[in-house]
Amino acid sequence: MRYNPGRDARWLLLRPWIAVPRILQIVWALSGLVLSLLIRGNSSDPKVQKNLARLLLRTLTNLGPCFIKVGQALSTRPDLIRRDWLDELTKLQDDLPAFSHAIALKTIEAELGSPADALFEEFPDCPVAAASLGQVYRARLHGQHWVAVKVQRPNLPFILRRDMVLIRTLGVLTAPFLPLNLGFGLGEIIDEFGRSLFEEIDYGLEANNAERFAALFADNPAVTIPKVERLLSSRRVLTTSWIHGTKLRDRQELKAQRLDPAALIRTGVISGLQQLLEFGYFHADPHPGNLFALSGRSGDLGHVAYVDFGMMDSISDADRLTLTGAVVHLINRDFAALAKDFQTLGFLAPTADLTPIIPALEEVLGGSLGEEVGSFNFKAITDRFSELMFDYPFRVPARFALIIRAVVSQEGLALRLDPEFRIIAVAYPYVAKRLLAGDTREMREKLLEVIFDAEGRLRIERLESLLNVVGDEGGGAGLELLPVAGAGLRLLLSQDGSDLRRRLLLTLIRDDRLSTSDLRALLGLIRRTFSPRRVAGGVLQSLNPLAVA
């Protein structure tokens, strides 16, 4: 039940009667797929493209869980995959062929100690959804509520063990010929994938994950996590409360249910940022099959529910804080600090010479930012960054494999619902608010680092940038600044704000004299940002959005 590449490779090497037929099956299936794509891939005939999409779906489905997981990752990228292919690949999320109902019933009885009809008041004859690792039934408890019962596919440990050895071997052997420069970490990245896959088939661990995740969002009405029924769960069976919602797949379907796609995207992105930058514990597989839209709103946030907590991961406090700073450094175009962030995170070796890398980062990332924060998107960065990695000693740390997957899946889901969506346009205001509020020690330290230079001088332009991006979030009305201003004032007057007060005094008093230029700049910034007209307009617009143009 645990992934061990060395042990598993030895196990398969001693069993050629298992390895050889599977290798032939994989090579035959992939060769046929590649040949069809080469011959017909450029066709403009919609029927041809539809048939190719179905061939891709059928090939991945027939090759089993590991390859289905690859297809699931592709299904979240509308900017990488044709729309007609995307519609087919989406079926890999929970519309796969089900396994035998009789086997599912035997698994329930073996795992829970009693037959399904004794444990549930109602238990259906077929599942409502079938995914790569299991299938889900909608059942009803005795005199109680409806529940989702997930039953694992048979023989999964053997299948995953066999295929991960072959995928890892294929990946390591072909790495030098791939049109990507991943440093020396491709095998490590595959190992990270394998580790998470083996954890995903331990439903006992998934139950723990779900309860931990629910505790993090306990006070957030916009995010719902299903409740685990512990007495009806085991290593291969997981029972949770049923989620009544609409999958985040199709914009028109959401609108037909009178749900606001923009509000739902916002909730998904902000909750994802909280997981990465606040909690340090995140859902690594947020594809449309694992997120449901619920009715109701909390301010400008729609209500969403997460399901399937098999693929979760943690991020260290140090990495979390560095990522927060990296977002700010990126938007502020502080590429020297950003290069150091890459070094701290392990994307660059500690001994790497940053001198030639800083201008390269500015060329690649600065151009992608455009004139506005909202023009930034990860697809543009990915395209340019792959080129940069050939010329400079970048690498992808294995521990970031699932983080990158989560962020890319999150952006892909949002782009599916809104092609104009830019994740950084939501991410930066969120980070700016946290910095200005200084609600934790680490945020206060990062705020001081951002708004004061190495000589202790206040960088008015950085502070104004933070305030502007928060003020512009609500359409430029400035209403979002009011709670931030209140939190900032409380910080300045509190015991936690002692360092901030000291830094401000030092920057305003130089050589025993008051620096009137810095003071005037600071007062001017406050007047511009919190002018009565701007604040009143924000309040009026919040009461009547049509009252202010």
Protein backbone atom coordinates (compact mmCIF):
# COMPACT_ATOMS: atom_id res chain seq x y z
CA MET A 1 0.00 0.00 0.00
CA ARG A 2 3.02 2.32 -0.11
CA TYR A 3 4.94 3.44 -3.18
CA ASN A 4 8.57 2.29 -3.24
CA PRO A 5 10.13 2.61 -6.72
CA GLY A 6 13.24 0.54 -5.99
CA ARG A 7 11.38 -2.31 -4.36
CA ASP A 8 8.64 -2.28 -7.00
CA ALA A 9 11.16 -2.30 -9.86
CA ARG A 10 12.86 -5.37 -8.40
CA TRP A 11 9.47 -7.04 -7.91
CA LEU A 12 8.50 -6.51 -11.58
CA LEU A 13 11.97 -7.41 -12.91
CA LEU A 14 11.62 -10.85 -11.33
CA ARG A 15 8.22 -11.32 -13.02
CA PRO A 16 8.78 -10.94 -16.77
CA TRP A 17 5.51 -12.81 -17.45
CA ILE A 18 3.77 -9.73 -15.96
CA ALA A 19 6.03 -7.00 -17.35
CA VAL A 20 6.48 -8.09 -20.98
CA PRO A 21 2.76 -8.43 -21.96
CA ARG A 22 1.99 -5.10 -20.30
CA ILE A 23 4.86 -3.34 -22.09
CA LEU A 24 3.63 -4.72 -25.41
CA GLN A 25 0.08 -3.59 -24.64
CA ILE A 26 1.19 -0.04 -23.76
CA VAL A 27 3.50 0.30 -26.77
CA TRP A 28 0.84 -1.06 -29.15
CA ALA A 29 -1.89 1.25 -27.78
CA LEU A 30 0.25 4.38 -27.73
CA SER A 31 1.77 3.67 -31.14
CA GLY A 32 -1.68 3.41 -32.68
CA LEU A 33 -2.76 6.63 -31.00
CA VAL A 34 0.35 8.56 -32.09
CA LEU A 35 0.05 7.25 -35.67
CA SER A 36 -3.59 8.37 -35.88
CA LEU A 37 -2.72 11.80 -34.49
CA LEU A 38 0.13 12.24 -36.98
CA ILE A 39 -2.05 11.26 -39.95
CA ARG A 40 -5.32 13.00 -39.05
CA GLY A 41 -4.42 15.48 -36.30
CA ASN A 42 -4.38 18.53 -38.59
CA SER A 43 -7.74 17.78 -40.17
CA SER A 44 -10.32 20.60 -40.09
CA ASP A 45 -13.22 18.15 -40.28
CA PRO A 46 -15.12 18.22 -36.93
CA LYS A 47 -16.10 14.56 -37.33
CA VAL A 48 -12.45 13.54 -37.70
CA GLN A 49 -11.48 15.50 -34.58
CA LYS A 50 -14.39 13.99 -32.66
CA ASN A 51 -13.23 10.49 -33.63
CA LEU A 52 -9.66 11.32 -32.59
CA ALA A 53 -10.91 12.57 -29.22
CA ARG A 54 -12.84 9.34 -28.73
CA LEU A 55 -9.76 7.32 -29.69
CA LEU A 56 -7.71 9.24 -27.12
CA LEU A 57 -10.37 8.65 -24.47
CA ARG A 58 -10.66 4.96 -25.32
CA THR A 59 -6.88 4.47 -25.34
CA LEU A 60 -6.37 6.07 -21.92
CA THR A 61 -9.37 4.25 -20.46
CA ASN A 62 -8.17 0.87 -21.71
CA LEU A 63 -4.65 1.46 -20.35
CA GLY A 64 -5.99 1.84 -16.82
CA PRO A 65 -5.84 4.14 -13.75
CA CYS A 66 -2.34 5.60 -14.16
CA PHE A 67 -3.00 6.71 -17.73
CA ILE A 68 -6.51 7.90 -16.88
CA LYS A 69 -4.90 10.21 -14.30
CA VAL A 70 -2.77 11.74 -17.08
CA GLY A 71 -5.93 12.29 -19.14
CA GLN A 72 -7.65 13.89 -16.16
CA ALA A 73 -4.82 16.40 -15.88
CA LEU A 74 -5.19 17.23 -19.60
CA SER A 75 -8.96 17.61 -19.20
CA THR A 76 -8.42 20.68 -17.00
CA ARG A 77 -6.44 22.58 -19.66
CA PRO A 78 -8.73 24.24 -22.23
CA ASP A 79 -5.77 26.39 -23.27
CA LEU A 80 -3.73 23.30 -24.20
CA ILE A 81 -6.35 20.90 -25.54
CA ARG A 82 -8.89 21.41 -28.34
CA ARG A 83 -12.43 22.05 -27.08
CA ASP A 84 -13.86 19.01 -28.90
CA TRP A 85 -11.15 16.82 -27.32
CA LEU A 86 -11.74 18.44 -23.94
CA ASP A 87 -15.39 17.40 -23.91
CA GLU A 88 -14.35 13.77 -24.33
CA LEU A 89 -11.50 13.87 -21.80
CA THR A 90 -13.86 15.30 -19.17
CA LYS A 91 -15.53 11.88 -19.13
CA LEU A 92 -12.37 10.54 -17.47
CA GLN A 93 -13.29 12.42 -14.29
CA ASP A 94 -16.30 10.34 -13.30
CA ASP A 95 -17.89 8.87 -16.43
CA LEU A 96 -15.77 5.75 -16.90
CA PRO A 97 -17.05 2.19 -17.32
CA ALA A 98 -18.18 0.79 -13.96
CA PHE A 99 -16.84 -2.49 -12.60
CA SER A 100 -19.13 -5.36 -11.57
CA HIS A 101 -21.85 -4.42 -9.08
CA ALA A 102 -21.51 -7.88 -7.52
CA ILE A 103 -17.82 -7.23 -6.83
CA ALA A 104 -18.71 -3.87 -5.26
CA LEU A 105 -21.23 -5.56 -2.95
CA LYS A 106 -18.65 -8.19 -1.94
CA THR A 107 -16.11 -5.44 -1.22
CA ILE A 108 -18.61 -3.61 1.03
CA GLU A 109 -19.42 -6.79 2.97
CA ALA A 110 -15.76 -7.75 3.33
CA GLU A 111 -14.71 -4.28 4.45
CA LEU A 112 -17.66 -3.32 6.68
CA GLY A 113 -18.62 -6.75 8.02
CA SER A 114 -22.24 -6.79 6.79
CA PRO A 115 -24.02 -6.80 3.42
CA ALA A 116 -25.08 -3.46 1.93
CA ASP A 117 -28.81 -4.09 2.40
CA ALA A 118 -28.22 -4.53 6.15
CA LEU A 119 -26.12 -1.36 6.46
CA PHE A 120 -28.28 0.95 4.35
CA GLU A 121 -32.02 1.47 4.15
CA GLU A 122 -31.71 1.98 0.41
CA PHE A 123 -28.81 0.87 -1.79
CA PRO A 124 -29.04 1.15 -5.60
CA ASP A 125 -28.32 -1.52 -8.19
CA CYS A 126 -25.80 0.62 -10.08
CA PRO A 127 -23.39 3.47 -9.31
CA VAL A 128 -24.11 7.11 -10.13
CA ALA A 129 -20.49 7.73 -11.16
CA ALA A 130 -17.39 5.69 -11.93
CA ALA A 131 -13.89 7.15 -11.80
CA SER A 132 -10.34 5.86 -12.22
CA LEU A 133 -9.95 4.35 -8.76
CA GLY A 134 -13.50 3.62 -7.65
CA GLN A 135 -17.22 4.11 -8.21
CA VAL A 136 -19.83 5.97 -6.18
CA TYR A 137 -23.32 4.91 -5.08
CA ARG A 138 -26.08 7.17 -3.74
CA ALA A 139 -27.52 5.35 -0.75
CA ARG A 140 -29.74 6.23 2.22
CA LEU A 141 -29.04 5.49 5.84
CA HIS A 142 -31.74 4.01 8.08
CA GLY A 143 -34.12 6.86 8.82
CA GLN A 144 -31.43 9.39 8.00
CA HIS A 145 -29.92 11.32 5.13
CA TRP A 146 -28.53 10.38 1.75
CA VAL A 147 -24.87 9.44 1.56
CA ALA A 148 -22.20 8.83 -1.09
CA VAL A 149 -20.61 5.38 -0.85
CA LYS A 150 -17.32 5.10 -2.74
CA VAL A 151 -16.12 1.57 -3.42
CA GLN A 152 -12.60 0.90 -4.69
CA ARG A 153 -11.91 -0.93 -7.95
CA PRO A 154 -10.55 -4.45 -7.46
CA ASN A 155 -6.82 -5.29 -7.54
CA LEU A 156 -5.67 -1.65 -7.59
CA PRO A 157 -2.41 -2.05 -5.59
CA PHE A 158 -1.15 -4.62 -8.11
CA ILE A 159 -2.18 -2.51 -11.16
CA LEU A 160 -0.64 0.70 -9.83
CA ARG A 161 2.55 -1.05 -8.72
CA ARG A 162 3.07 -2.60 -12.14
CA ASP A 163 2.25 0.47 -14.22
CA MET A 164 4.19 2.97 -12.10
CA VAL A 165 7.38 0.92 -12.60
CA LEU A 166 6.85 0.99 -16.37
CA ILE A 167 5.91 4.70 -16.48
CA ARG A 168 8.93 5.64 -14.37
CA THR A 169 11.26 3.55 -16.54
CA LEU A 170 9.81 5.04 -19.72
CA GLY A 171 10.03 8.58 -18.30
CA VAL A 172 13.65 8.28 -17.16
CA LEU A 173 14.76 6.67 -20.46
CA THR A 174 13.03 9.27 -22.67
CA ALA A 175 13.78 12.33 -20.48
CA PRO A 176 16.90 13.34 -22.49
CA PHE A 177 14.83 13.38 -25.70
CA LEU A 178 11.80 15.28 -24.39
CA PRO A 179 11.32 18.92 -25.56
CA LEU A 180 11.46 20.12 -21.95
CA ASN A 181 14.27 20.81 -19.55
CA LEU A 182 13.16 19.67 -16.11
CA GLY A 183 16.66 19.66 -14.64
CA PHE A 184 17.47 16.30 -13.09
CA GLY A 185 14.12 15.78 -11.42
CA LEU A 186 11.85 13.91 -13.85
CA GLY A 187 12.19 10.62 -11.98
CA GLU A 188 11.54 12.44 -8.70
CA ILE A 189 8.43 14.09 -10.14
CA ILE A 190 7.12 10.69 -11.28
CA ASP A 191 7.87 9.36 -7.79
CA GLU A 192 5.82 12.20 -6.29
CA PHE A 193 2.94 11.25 -8.59
CA GLY A 194 3.30 7.58 -7.62
CA ARG A 195 3.38 8.38 -3.92
CA SER A 196 0.21 10.43 -4.15
CA LEU A 197 -1.50 7.75 -6.23
CA PHE A 198 -0.83 5.06 -3.64
CA GLU A 199 -2.07 7.35 -0.88
CA GLU A 200 -5.21 7.93 -2.92
CA ILE A 201 -6.24 4.26 -2.72
CA ASP A 202 -6.12 4.27 1.09
CA TYR A 203 -9.66 5.41 1.94
CA GLY A 204 -8.82 5.47 5.64
CA LEU A 205 -6.25 8.14 4.89
CA GLU A 206 -8.74 9.94 2.66
CA ALA A 207 -11.24 10.06 5.54
CA ASN A 208 -8.58 11.69 7.72
CA ASN A 209 -7.82 14.14 4.93
CA ALA A 210 -11.48 15.10 4.53
CA GLU A 211 -11.90 15.78 8.25
CA ARG A 212 -8.71 17.85 8.41
CA PHE A 213 -9.77 19.82 5.33
CA ALA A 214 -13.25 20.40 6.77
CA ALA A 215 -11.75 21.80 9.98
CA LEU A 216 -9.79 24.39 7.99
CA PHE A 217 -12.96 25.71 6.31
CA ALA A 218 -15.29 25.24 9.30
CA ASP A 219 -15.92 29.00 9.59
CA ASN A 220 -16.23 29.64 5.85
CA PRO A 221 -19.88 29.44 4.65
CA ALA A 222 -18.76 29.59 0.99
CA VAL A 223 -16.93 26.24 1.15
CA THR A 224 -18.63 22.93 2.02
CA ILE A 225 -16.90 19.64 2.81
CA PRO A 226 -18.92 16.38 3.08
CA LYS A 227 -19.07 14.74 6.50
CA VAL A 228 -17.36 11.34 6.84
CA GLU A 229 -19.47 8.46 8.21
CA ARG A 230 -16.73 6.71 10.15
CA LEU A 231 -18.73 3.57 11.03
CA LEU A 232 -19.38 2.94 7.34
CA SER A 233 -15.85 3.60 6.08
CA SER A 234 -12.70 1.48 5.80
CA ARG A 235 -9.58 1.14 3.66
CA ARG A 236 -11.54 0.33 0.47
CA VAL A 237 -14.98 1.83 1.23
CA LEU A 238 -15.65 5.48 2.08
CA THR A 239 -19.06 6.85 3.06
CA THR A 240 -19.74 10.58 3.29
CA SER A 241 -22.76 12.89 3.28
CA TRP A 242 -24.25 13.43 -0.18
CA ILE A 243 -23.54 16.74 -1.94
CA HIS A 244 -26.54 18.19 -3.80
CA GLY A 245 -24.92 20.45 -6.38
CA THR A 246 -23.90 21.07 -9.99
CA LYS A 247 -20.46 20.11 -11.23
CA LEU A 248 -18.22 22.98 -12.29
CA ARG A 249 -18.03 21.86 -15.89
CA ASP A 250 -20.15 23.99 -18.14
CA ARG A 251 -20.88 27.72 -17.94
CA GLN A 252 -24.29 27.41 -19.58
CA GLU A 253 -25.34 24.61 -17.25
CA LEU A 254 -24.46 26.77 -14.24
CA LYS A 255 -26.41 29.71 -15.64
CA ALA A 256 -29.39 27.45 -16.27
CA GLN A 257 -29.30 26.64 -12.55
CA ARG A 258 -29.17 30.42 -11.83
CA LEU A 259 -25.62 30.15 -10.53
CA ASP A 260 -22.99 32.85 -11.16
CA PRO A 261 -19.84 31.36 -12.76
CA ALA A 262 -17.72 34.42 -11.84
CA ALA A 263 -18.65 34.17 -8.15
CA LEU A 264 -17.94 30.43 -8.15
CA ILE A 265 -14.55 30.93 -9.83
CA ARG A 266 -13.68 33.55 -7.25
CA THR A 267 -14.48 31.18 -4.40
CA GLY A 268 -12.48 28.38 -5.99
CA VAL A 269 -9.41 30.57 -6.54
CA ILE A 270 -9.50 32.23 -3.12
CA SER A 271 -10.03 28.93 -1.32
CA GLY A 272 -7.11 27.50 -3.32
CA LEU A 273 -4.92 30.44 -2.30
CA GLN A 274 -5.92 29.95 1.34
CA GLN A 275 -4.87 26.31 1.12
CA LEU A 276 -1.46 27.15 -0.34
CA LEU A 277 -0.61 30.42 1.39
CA GLU A 278 -2.46 30.23 4.73
CA PHE A 279 -3.17 26.64 5.69
CA GLY A 280 -0.21 24.91 4.05
CA TYR A 281 -2.49 21.95 3.23
CA PHE A 282 -4.14 21.70 -0.16
CA HIS A 283 -6.39 19.70 -2.47
CA ALA A 284 -4.05 18.63 -5.28
CA ASP A 285 -6.74 17.48 -7.73
CA PRO A 286 -9.31 20.29 -8.10
CA HIS A 287 -10.70 19.19 -11.47
CA PRO A 288 -14.38 19.88 -12.39
CA GLY A 289 -15.47 16.42 -11.23
CA ASN A 290 -14.27 17.18 -7.69
CA LEU A 291 -15.91 20.59 -7.30
CA PHE A 292 -19.65 21.26 -7.07
CA ALA A 293 -21.54 24.54 -7.30
CA LEU A 294 -24.13 25.02 -4.54
CA SER A 295 -26.94 27.54 -4.29
CA GLY A 296 -26.44 30.71 -2.25
CA ARG A 297 -23.80 33.42 -2.00
CA SER A 298 -21.66 35.03 0.68
CA GLY A 299 -20.98 38.55 -0.54
CA ASP A 300 -19.16 38.26 -3.87
CA LEU A 301 -18.36 34.57 -3.27
CA GLY A 302 -20.40 31.70 -4.67
CA HIS A 303 -20.84 28.52 -2.66
CA VAL A 304 -18.78 25.47 -3.68
CA ALA A 305 -18.24 21.98 -2.29
CA TYR A 306 -15.05 19.91 -2.54
CA VAL A 307 -15.14 16.12 -2.80
CA ASP A 308 -12.49 13.38 -3.22
CA PHE A 309 -9.66 13.97 -0.76
CA GLY A 310 -7.35 11.19 -1.85
CA MET A 311 -4.79 13.47 -3.47
CA MET A 312 -3.79 16.01 -0.81
CA ASP A 313 -0.41 17.46 0.09
CA SER A 314 1.26 19.88 2.49
CA ILE A 315 3.60 22.80 1.95
CA SER A 316 6.14 23.87 4.54
CA ASP A 317 5.79 27.18 6.38
CA ALA A 318 9.02 28.39 4.81
CA ASP A 319 7.85 27.60 1.25
CA ARG A 320 4.44 29.10 1.97
CA LEU A 321 5.91 32.41 3.10
CA THR A 322 8.36 32.50 0.19
CA LEU A 323 5.52 31.91 -2.31
CA THR A 324 3.56 34.78 -0.76
CA GLY A 325 6.54 37.07 -1.19
CA ALA A 326 7.13 35.81 -4.72
CA VAL A 327 3.65 36.93 -5.79
CA VAL A 328 4.36 40.43 -4.48
CA HIS A 329 7.85 40.54 -6.00
CA LEU A 330 6.45 39.43 -9.36
CA ILE A 331 3.76 42.11 -9.49
CA ASN A 332 6.19 44.78 -8.21
CA ARG A 333 8.67 43.66 -10.89
CA ASP A 334 11.35 43.12 -8.28
CA PHE A 335 13.11 40.45 -10.32
CA ALA A 336 16.22 40.38 -8.14
CA ALA A 337 14.09 39.42 -5.14
CA LEU A 338 12.11 36.99 -7.33
CA ALA A 339 15.34 35.25 -8.41
CA LYS A 340 16.23 34.81 -4.74
CA ASP A 341 12.74 33.38 -4.14
CA PHE A 342 13.36 30.80 -6.89
CA GLN A 343 16.66 29.97 -5.22
CA THR A 344 15.04 29.61 -1.78
CA LEU A 345 12.31 27.35 -3.20
CA GLY A 346 14.86 25.10 -4.94
CA PHE A 347 14.11 26.03 -8.56
CA LEU A 348 17.67 27.37 -8.68
CA ALA A 349 20.69 25.83 -6.96
CA PRO A 350 21.99 27.74 -3.89
CA THR A 351 25.28 28.31 -5.70
CA ALA A 352 23.73 29.58 -8.94
CA ASP A 353 24.95 32.95 -10.21
CA LEU A 354 21.84 35.15 -10.30
CA THR A 355 23.46 37.99 -12.28
CA PRO A 356 22.49 36.70 -15.77
CA ILE A 357 19.23 35.18 -14.52
CA ILE A 358 17.66 38.42 -13.22
CA PRO A 359 17.41 40.13 -16.65
CA ALA A 360 16.20 36.86 -18.19
CA LEU A 361 13.39 36.67 -15.63
CA GLU A 362 12.51 40.28 -16.36
CA GLU A 363 12.34 39.56 -20.08
CA VAL A 364 10.19 36.45 -19.71
CA LEU A 365 7.94 37.32 -16.77
CA GLY A 366 7.84 41.08 -17.18
CA GLY A 367 6.52 40.79 -20.70
CA SER A 368 3.85 38.31 -19.61
CA LEU A 369 2.55 40.75 -17.01
CA GLY A 370 1.66 43.31 -19.62
CA GLU A 371 0.42 46.73 -18.58
CA GLU A 372 -2.03 45.37 -16.02
CA VAL A 373 -1.96 42.66 -13.37
CA GLY A 374 -5.03 41.03 -14.89
CA SER A 375 -3.27 40.25 -18.17
CA PHE A 376 -0.99 37.70 -16.51
CA ASN A 377 -1.74 33.99 -17.03
CA PHE A 378 0.15 30.79 -16.33
CA LYS A 379 -0.11 29.54 -19.92
CA ALA A 380 1.97 32.51 -21.14
CA ILE A 381 4.49 31.87 -18.39
CA THR A 382 4.69 28.14 -19.14
CA ASP A 383 5.39 28.74 -22.82
CA ARG A 384 8.22 31.20 -22.14
CA PHE A 385 9.60 29.49 -19.07
CA SER A 386 10.20 26.19 -20.87
CA GLU A 387 12.56 28.10 -23.17
CA LEU A 388 14.29 29.81 -20.25
CA MET A 389 15.01 26.46 -18.57
CA PHE A 390 17.22 25.35 -21.46
CA ASP A 391 19.60 28.26 -21.01
CA TYR A 392 19.69 28.62 -17.24
CA PRO A 393 20.09 26.12 -14.38
CA PHE A 394 16.40 25.90 -13.46
CA ARG A 395 14.89 22.66 -12.21
CA VAL A 396 11.51 21.58 -10.84
CA PRO A 397 11.76 20.39 -7.21
CA ALA A 398 9.84 17.16 -6.72
CA ARG A 399 7.90 18.60 -3.79
CA PHE A 400 6.37 21.18 -6.13
CA ALA A 401 4.92 18.64 -8.57
CA LEU A 402 1.52 18.52 -6.84
CA ILE A 403 1.52 22.25 -6.10
CA ILE A 404 2.01 23.02 -9.80
CA ARG A 405 -0.66 20.47 -10.66
CA ALA A 406 -3.11 22.10 -8.23
CA VAL A 407 -2.48 25.64 -9.50
CA VAL A 408 -2.61 24.64 -13.15
CA SER A 409 -5.80 22.59 -12.59
CA GLN A 410 -7.37 25.52 -10.74
CA GLU A 411 -6.60 27.94 -13.56
CA GLY A 412 -7.78 25.39 -16.13
CA LEU A 413 -11.11 24.98 -14.35
CA ALA A 414 -11.57 28.75 -14.21
CA LEU A 415 -10.67 29.17 -17.89
CA ARG A 416 -13.21 26.50 -18.76
CA LEU A 417 -15.96 28.59 -17.18
CA ASP A 418 -14.56 31.98 -18.23
CA PRO A 419 -11.94 32.12 -21.06
CA GLU A 420 -11.03 35.69 -20.04
CA PHE A 421 -10.25 34.76 -16.44
CA ARG A 422 -6.79 35.65 -15.04
CA ILE A 423 -5.90 33.91 -11.80
CA ILE A 424 -3.32 36.52 -10.76
CA ALA A 425 -6.01 39.24 -10.87
CA VAL A 426 -7.61 37.49 -7.89
CA ALA A 427 -4.40 36.23 -6.29
CA TYR A 428 -2.66 39.59 -5.98
CA PRO A 429 -5.51 41.47 -4.22
CA TYR A 430 -5.81 38.54 -1.83
CA VAL A 431 -2.08 38.67 -0.99
CA ALA A 432 -2.15 42.49 -0.80
CA LYS A 433 -5.02 42.43 1.70
CA ARG A 434 -3.22 39.93 3.91
CA LEU A 435 -0.02 41.95 3.82
CA LEU A 436 -1.72 45.26 4.64
CA ALA A 437 -3.77 43.70 7.44
CA GLY A 438 -0.64 42.07 8.96
CA ASP A 439 -2.83 39.43 10.61
CA THR A 440 0.07 37.04 11.33
CA ARG A 441 3.69 37.50 12.36
CA GLU A 442 4.92 36.20 9.01
CA MET A 443 2.67 38.63 7.12
CA ARG A 444 3.96 41.52 9.22
CA GLU A 445 7.55 40.54 8.46
CA LYS A 446 6.78 40.27 4.75
CA LEU A 447 5.02 43.65 4.79
CA LEU A 448 8.09 45.32 6.29
CA GLU A 449 10.27 43.65 3.66
CA VAL A 450 8.03 44.91 0.86
CA ILE A 451 7.50 48.56 1.87
CA PHE A 452 10.97 49.35 3.29
CA ASP A 453 14.20 49.19 1.35
CA ALA A 454 17.52 47.79 2.59
CA GLU A 455 18.42 51.18 4.10
CA GLY A 456 15.16 51.42 6.01
CA ARG A 457 13.52 53.98 3.73
CA LEU A 458 9.80 53.80 3.05
CA ARG A 459 9.03 52.80 -0.54
CA ILE A 460 5.92 54.88 -1.16
CA GLU A 461 5.43 53.41 -4.66
CA ARG A 462 5.23 49.85 -3.25
CA LEU A 463 2.71 50.85 -0.59
CA GLU A 464 0.66 52.70 -3.19
CA SER A 465 0.77 49.66 -5.48
CA LEU A 466 -0.63 47.46 -2.71
CA LEU A 467 -3.38 49.95 -1.87
CA ASN A 468 -4.31 50.48 -5.52
CA VAL A 469 -4.65 46.80 -6.31
CA VAL A 470 -6.99 46.34 -3.31
CA GLY A 471 -8.94 49.49 -4.18
CA ASP A 472 -9.33 48.48 -7.81
CA GLU A 473 -10.64 45.02 -6.94
CA GLY A 474 -14.22 46.18 -6.54
CA GLY A 475 -14.25 47.96 -9.88
CA GLY A 476 -12.26 50.96 -8.70
CA ALA A 477 -14.81 52.13 -6.11
CA GLY A 478 -12.40 51.68 -3.22
CA LEU A 479 -14.87 50.02 -0.86
CA GLU A 480 -12.51 47.06 -0.40
CA LEU A 481 -10.04 49.47 1.24
CA LEU A 482 -12.22 50.20 4.26
CA PRO A 483 -11.78 46.90 6.14
CA VAL A 484 -8.11 46.82 5.10
CA ALA A 485 -7.62 50.36 6.42
CA GLY A 486 -9.29 49.39 9.70
CA ALA A 487 -7.10 46.32 10.08
CA GLY A 488 -3.98 48.32 9.20
CA LEU A 489 -4.81 51.02 11.74
CA ARG A 490 -5.39 48.42 14.45
CA LEU A 491 -2.04 46.86 13.58
CA LEU A 492 -0.26 50.22 13.73
CA LEU A 493 -1.66 50.96 17.21
CA SER A 494 -1.28 47.43 18.60
CA GLN A 495 1.64 45.72 20.33
CA ASP A 496 2.16 43.61 17.19
CA GLY A 497 2.78 46.81 15.21
CA SER A 498 5.80 47.94 17.25
CA ASP A 499 8.28 47.10 14.47
CA LEU A 500 6.15 48.91 11.91
CA ARG A 501 5.90 52.03 14.11
CA ARG A 502 9.65 52.00 14.71
CA ARG A 503 10.42 51.65 10.99
CA LEU A 504 8.05 54.51 10.14
CA LEU A 505 9.66 56.80 12.72
CA LEU A 506 13.15 55.96 11.46
CA THR A 507 12.22 56.64 7.86
CA LEU A 508 10.56 59.98 8.72
CA ILE A 509 13.42 61.18 10.94
CA ARG A 510 16.82 61.32 9.25
CA ASP A 511 19.93 62.84 10.83
CA ASP A 512 17.82 64.08 13.77
CA ARG A 513 15.60 66.02 11.38
CA LEU A 514 12.06 65.37 10.16
CA SER A 515 12.07 64.22 6.52
CA THR A 516 9.26 66.40 5.21
CA SER A 517 9.42 64.96 1.71
CA ASP A 518 8.67 61.42 2.92
CA LEU A 519 5.98 62.74 5.26
CA ARG A 520 4.34 64.76 2.48
CA ALA A 521 4.44 61.75 0.14
CA LEU A 522 2.85 59.54 2.79
CA LEU A 523 0.11 62.08 3.60
CA GLY A 524 -0.53 62.58 -0.11
CA LEU A 525 -0.93 58.86 -0.59
CA ILE A 526 -3.41 58.67 2.29
CA ARG A 527 -5.43 61.59 0.89
CA ARG A 528 -5.57 60.09 -2.60
CA THR A 529 -6.43 56.61 -1.40
CA PHE A 530 -8.99 57.46 1.28
CA SER A 531 -10.50 60.63 -0.14
CA PRO A 532 -14.10 61.21 1.08
CA ARG A 533 -15.32 61.23 -2.52
CA ARG A 534 -13.78 57.85 -3.31
CA VAL A 535 -14.99 56.22 -0.08
CA ALA A 536 -18.50 57.70 -0.43
CA GLY A 537 -18.65 56.51 -4.02
CA GLY A 538 -17.65 53.03 -2.93
CA VAL A 539 -20.37 52.93 -0.27
CA LEU A 540 -22.95 54.23 -2.73
CA GLN A 541 -21.97 51.70 -5.36
CA SER A 542 -22.22 48.85 -2.86
CA LEU A 543 -25.77 49.97 -2.00
CA ASN A 544 -26.77 50.56 -5.63
CA PRO A 545 -24.31 49.31 -8.30
CA LEU A 546 -26.11 51.44 -10.95
CA ALA A 547 -25.69 54.66 -9.02
CA VAL A 548 -22.00 55.10 -9.83
CA ALA A 549 -20.68 54.85 -13.38
